[in-house]
Structures are given as C-alpha cells and as structure tokens.
Amino acid sequence: MFQVPTKTQYAIRALVHLVHAGSASVATIAEAEHVPAKYLEAILSQLKSAGLVISDRGRSGGYRLARAASIIQMSEVVRATEGEIRPVECVDNATICVVSEGCLPRRFWLGLKKTVDEYLASVTLAEIAEPGLSDSLSAFRKRPAPAKMNNRSN
C-alpha cells in the first residue's frame, strides 16, 4: 500500500551513520550503508540544502550533522527528500477533484496525513539511531484510537 521511497530510506541510513561516525565522506557512507555513491551525493546535497547536514571541504572533508540528532525531527528528513506528505493529491487542494469539497473520503485522507505528520514530528533522528525503540515511539503507538464518527442524520 504505502511505501517509503528509496531516497528517504537512504537519507535516513546516511543520517544514522553520521550520528555514530560524527563525520564521514560520501564514499565511506555509501560503502557502509550499501548505497550508490552518486545517488547518495545527490541525497546529501538535498539534506544540506534543508540545513540538516554540513559539508566540510578538503582532504579530511565530508559530511556531518548541522544540529544535534536529538533536535532533528524525522518530519524534516522526509520533507527534505520528498516534500510534504500527501496520500492523495486532493489533500492540498480539494478543487482538483471532480467531487471537490463534497468528497466524503477526503476526511479520511486528511486524517491519515495528520497522523503521519504528527508521528514524523514526534520522532527524532537520535531515537532512530538508538539500537532499541525509545519510550516516546512506544507511547505514540499507545495513543487512544480516535472516536468513530456517527454517520446517522439527526
């Protein structure tokens, strides 16, 4: 059904590598994470443009995190590589659909987007880089389910 694009998967792997290594070259990250170097170079360029990594030039140059991993939200990583999450096109603009504002399933798509956005904003790179899931990841999953909507007319 939904699948995280390869570019985002590689970006997360590269960032986790940098959490542990501190600084590394494209070649080092590519080899360690089994990512094509040219593709990784383009991904790191996007992450740099988004302010998530810094590149150092020169003989001992490479990439490093621009901020502490504990304050880099996974929502930032996804936005840097893929843009905003949109399960369907009408999330941003209901008028592109022939049903427009009258589309009842659109509420479902908006709810899905909101849930995914909230989850991505609740998880930091530091949490992803740890060997086990943190309490905050588990806590998000334990949130009560939203109340079911009553579809009966009054």
Protein backbone atom coordinates (compact mmCIF):
# COMPACT_ATOMS: atom_id res chain seq x y z
CA MET A 1 0.00 0.00 0.00
CA PHE A 2 2.18 2.87 1.21
CA GLN A 3 5.89 2.63 0.71
CA VAL A 4 8.65 4.94 1.83
CA PRO A 5 10.68 5.97 -1.22
CA THR A 6 14.21 4.61 -1.53
CA LYS A 7 15.61 8.14 -1.44
CA THR A 8 14.15 8.71 2.03
CA GLN A 9 15.33 5.31 3.25
CA TYR A 10 18.88 6.09 2.08
CA ALA A 11 18.76 9.56 3.63
CA ILE A 12 17.79 8.11 7.00
CA ARG A 13 20.52 5.47 6.80
CA ALA A 14 23.11 8.13 5.91
CA LEU A 15 21.99 10.37 8.78
CA VAL A 16 22.08 7.50 11.27
CA HIS A 17 25.59 6.73 10.02
CA LEU A 18 26.59 10.34 10.73
CA VAL A 19 25.09 10.16 14.23
CA HIS A 20 27.51 7.33 15.02
CA ALA A 21 30.51 8.44 12.95
CA GLY A 22 30.36 12.16 13.62
CA SER A 23 31.70 12.96 10.16
CA ALA A 24 32.17 10.88 7.04
CA SER A 25 32.79 11.14 3.33
CA VAL A 26 30.23 10.19 0.71
CA ALA A 27 32.36 7.18 -0.22
CA THR A 28 32.57 5.97 3.38
CA ILE A 29 28.84 6.32 3.97
CA ALA A 30 28.00 4.74 0.61
CA GLU A 31 30.17 1.72 1.30
CA ALA A 32 28.97 1.24 4.88
CA GLU A 33 25.29 1.68 4.03
CA HIS A 34 25.33 -0.09 0.64
CA VAL A 35 24.06 2.96 -1.21
CA PRO A 36 25.23 4.01 -4.69
CA ALA A 37 27.70 6.88 -4.14
CA LYS A 38 26.35 9.14 -6.91
CA TYR A 39 22.79 8.77 -5.63
CA LEU A 40 23.93 9.38 -2.06
CA GLU A 41 25.77 12.51 -3.14
CA ALA A 42 22.53 13.95 -4.54
CA ILE A 43 20.63 12.98 -1.38
CA LEU A 44 23.23 14.59 0.88
CA SER A 45 23.02 17.72 -1.26
CA GLN A 46 19.27 17.87 -0.57
CA LEU A 47 19.88 17.32 3.15
CA LYS A 48 22.45 20.11 3.08
CA SER A 49 20.02 22.48 1.35
CA ALA A 50 17.49 21.66 4.07
CA GLY A 51 20.00 22.55 6.78
CA LEU A 52 20.29 19.02 8.15
CA VAL A 53 23.94 18.38 7.26
CA ILE A 54 27.05 20.46 6.71
CA SER A 55 29.77 19.58 4.24
CA ASP A 56 33.41 20.18 5.00
CA ARG A 57 35.77 20.55 2.06
CA GLY A 58 39.31 19.42 1.79
CA ARG A 59 41.33 16.31 2.32
CA SER A 60 39.63 15.32 5.55
CA GLY A 61 36.28 16.73 4.48
CA GLY A 62 32.95 15.02 4.48
CA TYR A 63 29.51 15.47 5.92
CA ARG A 64 28.34 15.97 9.49
CA LEU A 65 25.06 16.82 11.14
CA ALA A 66 24.18 20.52 11.18
CA ARG A 67 22.41 20.16 14.56
CA ALA A 68 22.20 17.67 17.37
CA ALA A 69 20.40 14.48 16.36
CA SER A 70 18.07 14.97 19.32
CA ILE A 71 16.51 18.03 17.69
CA ILE A 72 16.29 16.79 14.11
CA GLN A 73 12.74 15.61 13.57
CA MET A 74 12.05 12.86 11.09
CA SER A 75 9.46 15.13 9.51
CA GLU A 76 12.35 17.39 8.45
CA VAL A 77 14.13 14.48 6.81
CA VAL A 78 11.05 13.41 4.87
CA ARG A 79 10.34 16.98 3.76
CA ALA A 80 13.96 17.39 2.64
CA THR A 81 13.83 14.30 0.43
CA GLU A 82 10.22 14.06 -0.67
CA GLY A 83 8.42 17.29 0.18
CA GLU A 84 5.15 17.29 2.07
CA ILE A 85 3.36 14.00 2.65
CA ARG A 86 0.23 13.71 0.54
CA PRO A 87 -1.53 10.34 0.49
CA VAL A 88 -3.69 11.73 -2.34
CA GLU A 89 -3.41 14.91 -4.42
CA CYS A 90 -6.62 16.48 -3.09
CA VAL A 91 -5.20 16.84 0.44
CA ASP A 92 -3.70 20.20 -0.50
CA ASN A 93 -6.34 21.28 -2.97
CA ALA A 94 -9.88 19.86 -2.94
CA THR A 95 -10.74 21.64 -6.19
CA ILE A 96 -8.58 19.30 -8.28
CA CYS A 97 -11.10 16.53 -7.63
CA VAL A 98 -14.34 16.36 -9.59
CA VAL A 99 -16.20 15.80 -6.32
CA SER A 100 -14.34 18.72 -4.70
CA GLU A 101 -15.35 19.69 -1.14
CA GLY A 102 -18.22 17.19 -1.21
CA CYS A 103 -15.84 14.23 -1.23
CA LEU A 104 -16.50 12.29 1.96
CA PRO A 105 -13.39 10.06 1.75
CA ARG A 106 -11.24 13.23 1.75
CA ARG A 107 -11.75 13.43 5.53
CA PHE A 108 -10.06 10.04 5.80
CA TRP A 109 -7.09 11.21 3.72
CA LEU A 110 -6.76 14.40 5.76
CA GLY A 111 -6.81 12.33 8.97
CA LEU A 112 -4.17 9.98 7.60
CA LYS A 113 -1.93 12.89 6.64
CA LYS A 114 -2.37 14.47 10.08
CA THR A 115 -1.50 11.21 11.86
CA VAL A 116 1.59 10.60 9.73
CA ASP A 117 2.73 14.22 10.13
CA GLU A 118 2.28 14.03 13.91
CA TYR A 119 4.22 10.78 14.12
CA LEU A 120 7.11 12.06 12.00
CA ALA A 121 7.27 15.23 14.12
CA SER A 122 7.30 13.14 17.31
CA VAL A 123 10.38 11.10 16.39
CA THR A 124 13.92 12.46 16.35
CA LEU A 125 16.97 11.24 14.50
CA ALA A 126 18.58 10.40 17.85
CA GLU A 127 15.73 7.99 18.62
CA ILE A 128 16.10 6.31 15.24
CA ALA A 129 19.86 5.96 15.75
CA GLU A 130 19.46 4.11 19.04
CA PRO A 131 19.55 0.30 18.98
CA GLY A 132 16.09 -0.07 20.61
CA LEU A 133 12.88 1.87 20.23
CA SER A 134 12.55 4.68 22.74
CA ASP A 135 9.64 5.15 25.13
CA SER A 136 8.31 8.05 23.06
CA LEU A 137 7.94 5.83 19.98
CA SER A 138 6.06 3.26 22.01
CA ALA A 139 3.94 5.95 23.66
CA PHE A 140 2.78 7.23 20.28
CA ARG A 141 1.54 3.79 19.34
CA LYS A 142 -0.37 3.51 22.62
CA ARG A 143 -2.43 6.64 21.99
CA PRO A 144 -6.16 6.01 22.17
CA ALA A 145 -7.84 5.45 18.85
CA PRO A 146 -9.95 8.35 17.60
CA ALA A 147 -13.65 8.10 18.30
CA LYS A 148 -15.70 6.68 15.44
CA MET A 149 -17.83 9.16 13.57
CA ASN A 150 -21.58 8.79 13.77
CA ASN A 151 -22.94 8.81 10.22
CA ARG A 152 -26.64 8.91 11.17
CA SER A 153 -28.57 12.05 10.40
CA ASN A 154 -30.37 13.74 13.29
